[in-house]
């Protein structure tokens, strides 16, 4: 295998970089991507007579040491009208891992060409002004998306939706900051500044509050929901878990206490990614290992968005009261199990036959509020920064009444700094390193 460079030093801008842009393994198509000033020389090394037109797929015969090794498509993107802002060549070959490694080794033999670091193509796009940091984050989020809702959110950010939202708040605050700084520099002309600034600060605060709402929804979308199945032993939890998961993941047996540890399955409900957890059954006087499982059950119930209480036929009122006490009523969803045995009322389900599954799924979505939020704000770091900015603006509005202008200016400056950090305007090296380390090589 080819070595991967792991240095976090500042990249040499004039180096030409190359990498395979497809995952490891066999496939119908493989892609080798090259970016930098020697991109066309690399193409001519592999196909000496080719004269590609910009942004037009050209059929080429790729040669290694004078021997044709593949018939492929070559795409030529002259800078700055390319993904990275530099000259870019993409070779679409057959997807043999051996072929891709042979081609890449031949490419890297060209003087001045080296293997790309993870995320380096996208990092160069940011450095050359082709993407801002919010769009760069959207690239990796689109690759990592687990549901259609995450795809839509990431795609909107890639089109610049988040950048526009942030800029709508950032630019007016920048003007307010300039006015406050001017008033501080020329205090004789500062009379009445507070009145002119107040309305714009209050408007900015309202924008920040709405942005925070979006950030909360986006953060929840990204982490997904948590549904915990709980109840007494032999209630049919594992059978229902297998039915909802679509496969026989959990062991099912008539012996009480079969499930002693939590078992997870990933679902998509209401367009949101959801983790479903089967837990150890609750009962008095469990064995030592089973007691550990029950303790874990209670911990998971505390974390759950929906605590799904599965009630077996013949449950007494006293038993029901005990089980209900395990979960807060705002998250608890009660369902009668083993509906195939008859005698059930209300929300009832049979994990064995599948009866009532659709109604149960709809009830889970409603109780957990697993509805796709209309948001382009997706990360915990977005939420943290927006909260800091919103709090700073609240203090700035309050300070207009009781504090000198330099205090107001300082709070506005703090809000601006947080928004700038999200937009990548400060380009802090640590944040860039952390972001692009999440990328795969070739992206």
Protein backbone atom coordinates (compact mmCIF):
# COMPACT_ATOMS: atom_id res chain seq x y z
CA UNK A 1 0.00 0.00 0.00
CA UNK A 2 1.06 3.60 -0.58
CA UNK A 3 2.22 5.52 2.50
CA UNK A 4 -0.07 8.25 3.85
CA UNK A 5 1.46 11.53 4.95
CA UNK A 6 0.23 12.59 8.38
CA UNK A 7 2.08 15.87 8.86
CA UNK A 8 -0.05 18.76 10.11
CA UNK A 9 2.41 21.38 8.93
CA UNK A 10 1.24 24.23 6.70
CA UNK A 11 0.74 22.89 3.17
CA UNK A 12 3.09 23.95 0.36
CA UNK A 13 0.69 25.74 -1.97
CA UNK A 14 2.63 25.05 -5.19
CA UNK A 15 2.94 21.30 -4.67
CA UNK A 16 0.83 19.14 -6.96
CA UNK A 17 -1.17 16.56 -5.04
CA UNK A 18 -2.73 13.28 -6.15
CA UNK A 19 -4.88 10.57 -4.60
CA UNK A 20 -7.49 7.95 -5.31
CA UNK A 21 -10.91 9.53 -4.71
CA UNK A 22 -12.81 6.24 -4.36
CA UNK A 23 -13.11 3.91 -1.35
CA UNK A 24 -10.84 0.90 -1.00
CA UNK A 25 -12.09 -2.28 -2.67
CA UNK A 26 -13.29 -3.43 -6.09
CA UNK A 27 -15.85 -1.39 -8.01
CA UNK A 28 -17.09 -0.56 -11.47
CA UNK A 29 -15.30 2.80 -11.55
CA UNK A 30 -12.26 4.22 -9.80
CA UNK A 31 -11.13 7.85 -9.76
CA UNK A 32 -7.64 9.29 -9.51
CA UNK A 33 -7.63 13.01 -8.78
CA UNK A 34 -4.70 15.39 -9.34
CA UNK A 35 -4.57 19.09 -8.40
CA UNK A 36 -1.81 21.63 -8.86
CA UNK A 37 0.43 23.25 -11.46
CA UNK A 38 1.76 19.91 -12.81
CA UNK A 39 -1.67 18.31 -13.31
CA UNK A 40 -1.49 18.45 -17.12
CA UNK A 41 2.06 17.06 -17.10
CA UNK A 42 0.78 14.11 -15.07
CA UNK A 43 -1.94 13.49 -17.67
CA UNK A 44 0.60 13.63 -20.51
CA UNK A 45 2.83 11.18 -18.63
CA UNK A 46 -0.03 8.66 -18.65
CA UNK A 47 -1.43 9.53 -22.09
CA UNK A 48 1.22 11.41 -24.13
CA UNK A 49 -0.91 12.40 -27.14
CA UNK A 50 -4.08 13.54 -25.38
CA UNK A 51 -5.26 17.13 -25.87
CA UNK A 52 -8.35 17.41 -23.66
CA UNK A 53 -10.86 20.22 -23.84
CA UNK A 54 -11.70 21.95 -20.55
CA UNK A 55 -14.60 20.36 -18.65
CA UNK A 56 -15.26 17.78 -21.39
CA UNK A 57 -14.81 14.02 -20.84
CA UNK A 58 -12.10 12.66 -23.15
CA UNK A 59 -11.49 8.97 -23.89
CA UNK A 60 -7.83 8.14 -23.24
CA UNK A 61 -5.58 5.09 -23.18
CA UNK A 62 -3.48 5.16 -20.02
CA UNK A 63 0.09 3.92 -20.28
CA UNK A 64 2.58 2.78 -17.67
CA UNK A 65 6.13 2.38 -18.96
CA UNK A 66 4.86 2.37 -22.55
CA UNK A 67 2.22 -0.32 -21.97
CA UNK A 68 -1.50 0.49 -22.12
CA UNK A 69 -3.09 -0.55 -18.81
CA UNK A 70 -6.59 0.89 -19.15
CA UNK A 71 -9.08 2.77 -21.31
CA UNK A 72 -10.48 5.61 -19.23
CA UNK A 73 -12.13 9.01 -19.24
CA UNK A 74 -10.03 12.11 -18.50
CA UNK A 75 -11.54 15.36 -17.26
CA UNK A 76 -9.49 18.57 -17.37
CA UNK A 77 -10.47 21.57 -15.19
CA UNK A 78 -8.12 24.54 -15.64
CA UNK A 79 -7.81 26.77 -12.58
CA UNK A 80 -9.35 28.83 -11.16
CA UNK A 81 -12.59 27.28 -12.47
CA UNK A 82 -12.14 23.98 -10.68
CA UNK A 83 -13.07 22.47 -7.33
CA UNK A 84 -9.74 23.40 -5.73
CA UNK A 85 -9.18 26.62 -7.68
CA UNK A 86 -6.06 25.03 -9.23
CA UNK A 87 -5.51 22.99 -12.40
CA UNK A 88 -7.27 19.66 -11.80
CA UNK A 89 -7.24 16.36 -13.69
CA UNK A 90 -9.61 13.51 -12.86
CA UNK A 91 -9.16 10.06 -14.35
CA UNK A 92 -12.20 7.78 -14.32
CA UNK A 93 -10.82 4.28 -14.67
CA UNK A 94 -12.05 0.75 -14.10
CA UNK A 95 -12.29 0.10 -10.38
CA UNK A 96 -9.56 -2.50 -9.83
CA UNK A 97 -7.65 -1.68 -6.62
CA UNK A 98 -4.44 -2.97 -8.23
CA UNK A 99 -4.96 -0.79 -11.31
CA UNK A 100 -5.58 2.30 -9.16
CA UNK A 101 -2.46 1.66 -7.11
CA UNK A 102 -0.32 1.16 -10.22
CA UNK A 103 -1.64 4.39 -11.76
CA UNK A 104 -1.22 6.37 -8.56
CA UNK A 105 2.33 5.12 -8.05
CA UNK A 106 3.13 6.20 -11.62
CA UNK A 107 1.55 9.63 -11.01
CA UNK A 108 3.56 10.13 -7.82
CA UNK A 109 6.77 9.38 -9.71
CA UNK A 110 6.35 12.72 -11.51
CA UNK A 111 8.69 15.34 -9.94
CA UNK A 112 6.86 17.79 -7.71
CA UNK A 113 3.86 15.50 -7.17
CA UNK A 114 3.05 14.01 -3.78
CA UNK A 115 0.25 12.03 -2.13
CA UNK A 116 -2.56 14.23 -0.81
CA UNK A 117 -3.32 14.43 2.88
CA UNK A 118 -6.88 13.68 4.08
CA UNK A 119 -9.17 16.53 3.05
CA UNK A 120 -6.42 18.41 1.26
CA UNK A 121 -8.36 18.91 -1.98
CA UNK A 122 -11.22 20.55 -0.07
CA UNK A 123 -8.78 22.46 2.10
CA UNK A 124 -7.21 23.97 -1.00
CA UNK A 125 -10.68 24.90 -2.24
CA UNK A 126 -11.16 26.87 1.00
CA UNK A 127 -7.71 28.44 0.80
CA UNK A 128 -8.28 29.50 -2.82
CA UNK A 129 -11.70 31.00 -2.10
CA UNK A 130 -13.73 28.35 -3.94
CA UNK A 131 -15.51 27.28 -0.72
CA UNK A 132 -16.10 28.90 2.64
CA UNK A 133 -15.74 26.86 5.80
CA UNK A 134 -19.48 26.15 6.13
CA UNK A 135 -19.51 24.62 2.64
CA UNK A 136 -16.38 22.60 3.40
CA UNK A 137 -18.07 21.14 6.48
CA UNK A 138 -21.08 20.32 4.31
CA UNK A 139 -18.92 18.20 1.99
CA UNK A 140 -17.91 15.76 4.71
CA UNK A 141 -21.42 15.83 6.22
CA UNK A 142 -22.88 14.86 2.86
CA UNK A 143 -20.48 11.93 2.65
CA UNK A 144 -21.34 10.83 6.21
CA UNK A 145 -25.12 11.37 5.95
CA UNK A 146 -27.19 8.54 7.49
CA UNK A 147 -30.66 9.66 6.37
CA UNK A 148 -32.38 11.62 3.63
CA UNK A 149 -32.90 14.53 6.02
CA UNK A 150 -29.15 14.76 6.67
CA UNK A 151 -28.51 14.64 2.91
CA UNK A 152 -30.91 17.55 2.37
CA UNK A 153 -29.41 19.58 5.21
CA UNK A 154 -25.84 19.03 4.00
CA UNK A 155 -26.77 19.75 0.38
CA UNK A 156 -28.39 23.04 1.38
CA UNK A 157 -25.23 24.07 3.25
CA UNK A 158 -23.10 23.06 0.28
CA UNK A 159 -25.20 25.47 -1.80
CA UNK A 160 -24.41 28.21 0.71
CA UNK A 161 -27.61 28.31 2.78
CA UNK A 162 -25.81 28.42 6.15
CA UNK A 163 -23.31 31.01 4.92
CA UNK A 164 -26.21 33.24 3.86
CA UNK A 165 -27.98 32.86 7.21
CA UNK A 166 -24.81 33.70 9.14
CA UNK A 167 -23.93 36.60 6.85
CA UNK A 168 -27.41 38.06 7.33
CA UNK A 169 -26.57 38.43 11.02
CA UNK A 170 -22.86 39.17 10.66
CA UNK A 171 -22.94 42.11 8.24
CA UNK A 172 -25.37 44.36 10.21
CA UNK A 173 -23.43 43.64 13.40
CA UNK A 174 -20.24 44.61 11.62
CA UNK A 175 -21.78 48.01 10.81
CA UNK A 176 -22.98 48.45 14.39
CA UNK A 177 -19.51 47.58 15.68
CA UNK A 178 -17.95 50.17 13.35
CA UNK A 179 -20.32 52.86 14.61
CA UNK A 180 -19.62 52.03 18.24
CA UNK A 181 -15.87 52.06 17.68
CA UNK A 182 -16.21 55.39 15.89
CA UNK A 183 -18.16 56.84 18.81
CA UNK A 184 -15.46 55.67 21.20
CA UNK A 185 -12.74 57.24 19.07
CA UNK A 186 -14.66 60.54 18.72
CA UNK A 187 -16.68 60.91 21.95
CA UNK A 188 -17.71 64.48 21.11
CA UNK A 189 -19.80 63.12 18.24
CA UNK A 190 -21.19 60.13 20.15
CA UNK A 191 -24.41 61.76 21.36
CA UNK A 192 -27.49 59.78 20.35
CA UNK A 193 -25.54 56.72 19.16
CA UNK A 194 -27.36 54.48 21.65
CA UNK A 195 -30.74 55.27 20.10
CA UNK A 196 -29.48 54.55 16.59
CA UNK A 197 -27.86 51.29 17.62
CA UNK A 198 -30.63 49.88 19.82
CA UNK A 199 -33.09 48.93 17.08
CA UNK A 200 -30.41 47.17 15.06
CA UNK A 201 -29.09 45.28 18.09
CA UNK A 202 -32.60 44.15 19.00
CA UNK A 203 -33.14 43.01 15.40
CA UNK A 204 -29.83 41.14 15.47
CA UNK A 205 -30.81 39.52 18.78
CA UNK A 206 -34.06 38.27 17.25
CA UNK A 207 -32.08 36.78 14.35
CA UNK A 208 -29.71 35.12 16.80
CA UNK A 209 -32.60 33.59 18.77
CA UNK A 210 -34.03 32.09 15.57
CA UNK A 211 -30.59 30.85 14.57
CA UNK A 212 -30.24 29.16 17.96
CA UNK A 213 -33.59 27.43 17.45
CA UNK A 214 -32.34 26.10 14.14
CA UNK A 215 -29.08 25.02 15.75
CA UNK A 216 -30.88 23.04 18.45
CA UNK A 217 -32.96 21.24 15.82
CA UNK A 218 -29.93 20.61 13.63
CA UNK A 219 -27.89 19.24 16.49
CA UNK A 220 -30.67 16.80 17.34
CA UNK A 221 -30.94 15.74 13.71
CA UNK A 222 -27.24 14.99 13.63
CA UNK A 223 -27.11 12.94 16.84
CA UNK A 224 -30.41 11.20 16.00
CA UNK A 225 -33.14 9.98 18.33
CA UNK A 226 -33.00 7.29 21.01
CA UNK A 227 -35.89 4.85 21.57
CA UNK A 228 -35.52 2.45 24.50
CA UNK A 229 -37.70 -0.66 24.79
CA UNK A 230 -38.34 -1.53 28.41
CA UNK A 231 -40.73 -3.50 30.58
CA UNK A 232 -40.92 -6.74 32.58
CA UNK A 233 -39.29 -10.00 31.59
CA UNK A 234 -41.13 -12.10 28.98
CA UNK A 235 -43.15 -9.12 27.75
CA UNK A 236 -42.03 -9.75 24.16
CA UNK A 237 -39.51 -6.90 23.94
CA UNK A 238 -36.89 -8.86 21.99
CA UNK A 239 -39.48 -10.16 19.52
CA UNK A 240 -40.74 -6.61 18.96
CA UNK A 241 -37.16 -5.35 18.69
CA UNK A 242 -36.45 -7.91 15.94
CA UNK A 243 -39.63 -6.91 14.11
CA UNK A 244 -38.79 -3.19 14.21
CA UNK A 245 -35.14 -3.83 13.31
CA UNK A 246 -36.15 -6.01 10.36
CA UNK A 247 -33.90 -8.91 11.40
CA UNK A 248 -33.39 -11.46 14.18
CA UNK A 249 -30.88 -9.46 16.19
CA UNK A 250 -32.03 -10.38 19.69
CA UNK A 251 -32.30 -13.88 21.20
CA UNK A 252 -35.88 -14.91 21.96
CA UNK A 253 -36.76 -17.62 24.48
CA UNK A 254 -39.49 -18.45 26.98
CA UNK A 255 -36.95 -18.43 29.80
CA UNK A 256 -37.21 -15.15 31.78
CA UNK A 257 -34.17 -12.85 31.71
CA UNK A 258 -32.85 -13.88 28.28
CA UNK A 259 -31.74 -10.29 27.56
CA UNK A 260 -29.06 -9.20 30.01
CA UNK A 261 -27.40 -6.39 28.06
CA UNK A 262 -28.56 -3.61 25.76
CA UNK A 263 -28.78 -4.40 22.05
CA UNK A 264 -28.97 -1.63 19.44
CA UNK A 265 -30.34 -1.27 15.92
CA UNK A 266 -30.25 1.79 13.65
CA UNK A 267 -33.51 2.85 12.03
CA UNK A 268 -34.87 5.86 10.16
CA UNK A 269 -38.20 7.09 11.55
CA UNK A 270 -39.93 10.21 10.30
CA UNK A 271 -36.89 10.88 8.14
CA UNK A 272 -34.57 11.02 11.17
CA UNK A 273 -31.89 8.50 12.17
CA UNK A 274 -32.99 6.71 15.34
CA UNK A 275 -31.23 4.19 17.59
CA UNK A 276 -33.56 1.49 18.94
CA UNK A 277 -32.37 -0.28 22.09
CA UNK A 278 -33.62 -3.59 23.53
CA UNK A 279 -32.96 -3.78 27.28
CA UNK A 280 -32.92 -6.26 30.11
CA UNK A 281 -36.39 -6.98 31.56
CA UNK A 282 -37.34 -5.51 34.91
CA UNK A 283 -38.12 -7.89 37.79
CA UNK A 284 -37.53 -8.28 41.49
CA UNK A 285 -34.63 -10.37 42.81
CA UNK A 286 -32.59 -10.67 39.60
CA UNK A 287 -29.25 -12.50 39.47
CA UNK A 288 -25.99 -10.56 39.72
CA UNK A 289 -25.38 -10.24 35.97
CA UNK A 290 -29.05 -9.56 35.26
CA UNK A 291 -29.03 -6.82 37.91
CA UNK A 292 -26.22 -5.08 36.02
CA UNK A 293 -28.36 -5.22 32.88
CA UNK A 294 -31.33 -3.72 34.73
CA UNK A 295 -29.14 -0.87 36.01
CA UNK A 296 -28.10 -0.18 32.41
CA UNK A 297 -31.77 -0.25 31.37
CA UNK A 298 -32.57 2.52 33.85
CA UNK A 299 -29.63 4.61 32.67
CA UNK A 300 -30.78 4.30 29.05
CA UNK A 301 -34.35 5.23 29.97
CA UNK A 302 -33.02 8.47 31.47
CA UNK A 303 -31.26 9.29 28.17
CA UNK A 304 -34.11 8.25 25.87
CA UNK A 305 -36.25 10.50 23.69
CA UNK A 306 -38.92 7.78 23.81
CA UNK A 307 -39.17 5.15 26.57
CA UNK A 308 -41.36 2.44 25.04
CA UNK A 309 -43.05 0.48 27.84
CA UNK A 310 -44.20 -2.90 26.53
CA UNK A 311 -47.01 -4.22 28.74
CA UNK A 312 -47.66 -7.98 28.74
CA UNK A 313 -51.21 -9.44 28.78
CA UNK A 314 -52.68 -9.78 32.26
CA UNK A 315 -50.59 -7.04 33.87
CA UNK A 316 -51.97 -5.84 37.19
CA UNK A 317 -52.55 -2.20 38.13
CA UNK A 318 -49.85 -2.48 40.80
CA UNK A 319 -47.32 -3.81 38.28
CA UNK A 320 -48.25 -1.08 35.82
CA UNK A 321 -47.66 1.61 38.42
CA UNK A 322 -44.21 0.17 39.16
CA UNK A 323 -43.17 0.06 35.50
CA UNK A 324 -44.57 3.52 34.75
CA UNK A 325 -42.49 5.00 37.56
CA UNK A 326 -39.30 4.03 35.68
CA UNK A 327 -39.79 6.72 33.00
CA UNK A 328 -40.98 10.31 32.94
CA UNK A 329 -44.48 10.53 31.46
CA UNK A 330 -43.35 13.10 28.87
CA UNK A 331 -41.20 10.47 27.17
CA UNK A 332 -43.08 7.29 28.11
CA UNK A 333 -45.11 5.56 25.40
CA UNK A 334 -47.18 2.58 26.53
CA UNK A 335 -48.09 -0.27 24.19
CA UNK A 336 -49.81 -3.57 24.87
CA UNK A 337 -47.72 -6.50 23.67
CA UNK A 338 -48.54 -9.96 22.29
CA UNK A 339 -51.65 -8.68 20.50
CA UNK A 340 -51.80 -11.98 18.62
CA UNK A 341 -53.06 -13.55 21.86
CA UNK A 342 -56.11 -11.25 21.82
CA UNK A 343 -57.79 -9.31 24.60
CA UNK A 344 -55.89 -6.04 24.08
CA UNK A 345 -57.21 -2.46 23.84
CA UNK A 346 -55.70 0.84 22.75
CA UNK A 347 -52.25 0.84 21.19
CA UNK A 348 -51.39 -2.84 20.82
CA UNK A 349 -48.77 -4.71 18.83
CA UNK A 350 -47.57 -8.19 18.04
CA UNK A 351 -43.88 -8.57 17.39
CA UNK A 352 -44.61 -12.10 16.22
CA UNK A 353 -47.18 -11.32 13.50
CA UNK A 354 -46.41 -7.65 12.88
CA UNK A 355 -49.91 -6.50 13.78
CA UNK A 356 -50.01 -2.88 14.93
CA UNK A 357 -46.44 -2.08 13.84
CA UNK A 358 -47.44 0.83 11.59
CA UNK A 359 -49.52 2.46 14.31
CA UNK A 360 -46.72 1.95 16.82
CA UNK A 361 -44.14 3.50 14.49
CA UNK A 362 -46.36 6.56 13.96
CA UNK A 363 -46.82 6.90 17.73
CA UNK A 364 -43.03 6.70 18.30
CA UNK A 365 -42.44 9.43 15.70
CA UNK A 366 -45.06 11.66 17.31
CA UNK A 367 -43.91 11.13 20.91
CA UNK A 368 -40.24 11.60 20.02
CA UNK A 369 -40.96 14.49 17.64
CA UNK A 370 -38.90 12.69 15.03
CA UNK A 371 -39.86 15.11 12.28
CA UNK A 372 -37.30 16.47 9.84
CA UNK A 373 -36.44 20.02 10.99
CA UNK A 374 -36.19 22.83 8.49
CA UNK A 375 -32.60 23.74 9.29
CA UNK A 376 -29.16 24.09 7.77
CA UNK A 377 -27.40 24.32 11.14
CA UNK A 378 -26.04 20.90 11.99
CA UNK A 379 -23.14 20.75 14.44
CA UNK A 380 -22.74 21.02 18.18
CA UNK A 381 -20.01 23.61 17.53
CA UNK A 382 -22.58 25.64 15.55
CA UNK A 383 -24.97 25.50 18.49
CA UNK A 384 -22.25 26.46 20.99
CA UNK A 385 -21.10 29.45 18.92
CA UNK A 386 -24.64 30.68 18.26
CA UNK A 387 -25.47 30.48 21.97
CA UNK A 388 -22.39 32.51 22.85
CA UNK A 389 -23.29 35.11 20.21
CA UNK A 390 -26.93 35.29 21.35
CA UNK A 391 -25.90 35.70 25.00
CA UNK A 392 -23.42 38.44 24.07
CA UNK A 393 -26.12 40.32 22.13
CA UNK A 394 -28.50 40.05 25.09
CA UNK A 395 -25.84 41.60 27.32
CA UNK A 396 -25.16 44.31 24.71
CA UNK A 397 -28.84 45.34 24.61
CA UNK A 398 -28.98 45.42 28.43
CA UNK A 399 -25.70 47.36 28.62
CA UNK A 400 -27.15 50.19 26.51
CA UNK A 401 -29.19 51.17 29.58
CA UNK A 402 -26.61 50.91 32.33
CA UNK A 403 -23.06 50.70 30.98
CA UNK A 404 -20.69 52.85 28.91
CA UNK A 405 -20.39 52.30 25.15
CA UNK A 406 -17.11 50.42 25.42
CA UNK A 407 -18.95 47.61 27.25
CA UNK A 408 -21.59 47.48 24.50
CA UNK A 409 -18.87 47.46 21.85
CA UNK A 410 -17.08 44.64 23.63
CA UNK A 411 -20.20 42.45 23.69
CA UNK A 412 -20.91 43.13 20.02
CA UNK A 413 -17.28 42.25 19.24
CA UNK A 414 -17.66 38.94 21.08
CA UNK A 415 -20.78 38.08 19.06
CA UNK A 416 -18.96 38.98 15.84
CA UNK A 417 -15.97 36.83 16.79
CA UNK A 418 -18.17 33.76 17.31
CA UNK A 419 -19.97 34.23 14.00
CA UNK A 420 -16.66 34.82 12.22
CA UNK A 421 -15.31 31.61 13.72
CA UNK A 422 -18.26 29.66 12.27
CA UNK A 423 -17.79 31.28 8.86
CA UNK A 424 -14.06 30.57 8.86
CA UNK A 425 -13.14 34.23 8.68
CA UNK A 426 -10.44 33.79 11.31
CA UNK A 427 -9.15 30.56 9.69
CA UNK A 428 -7.71 29.31 12.96
CA UNK A 429 -5.19 26.56 12.22
CA UNK A 430 -6.56 24.30 14.96
CA UNK A 431 -10.10 24.40 13.59
CA UNK A 432 -8.94 23.75 10.05
CA UNK A 433 -6.83 20.79 11.19
CA UNK A 434 -9.75 19.33 13.16
CA UNK A 435 -12.15 19.71 10.23
CA UNK A 436 -10.03 18.32 7.44
CA UNK A 437 -8.79 15.37 9.53
CA UNK A 438 -12.38 14.05 9.19
CA UNK A 439 -12.06 13.81 5.40
CA UNK A 440 -10.94 10.79 3.44
CA UNK A 441 -7.87 10.94 1.21
CA UNK A 442 -8.84 12.12 -2.28
CA UNK A 443 -11.46 14.58 -1.05
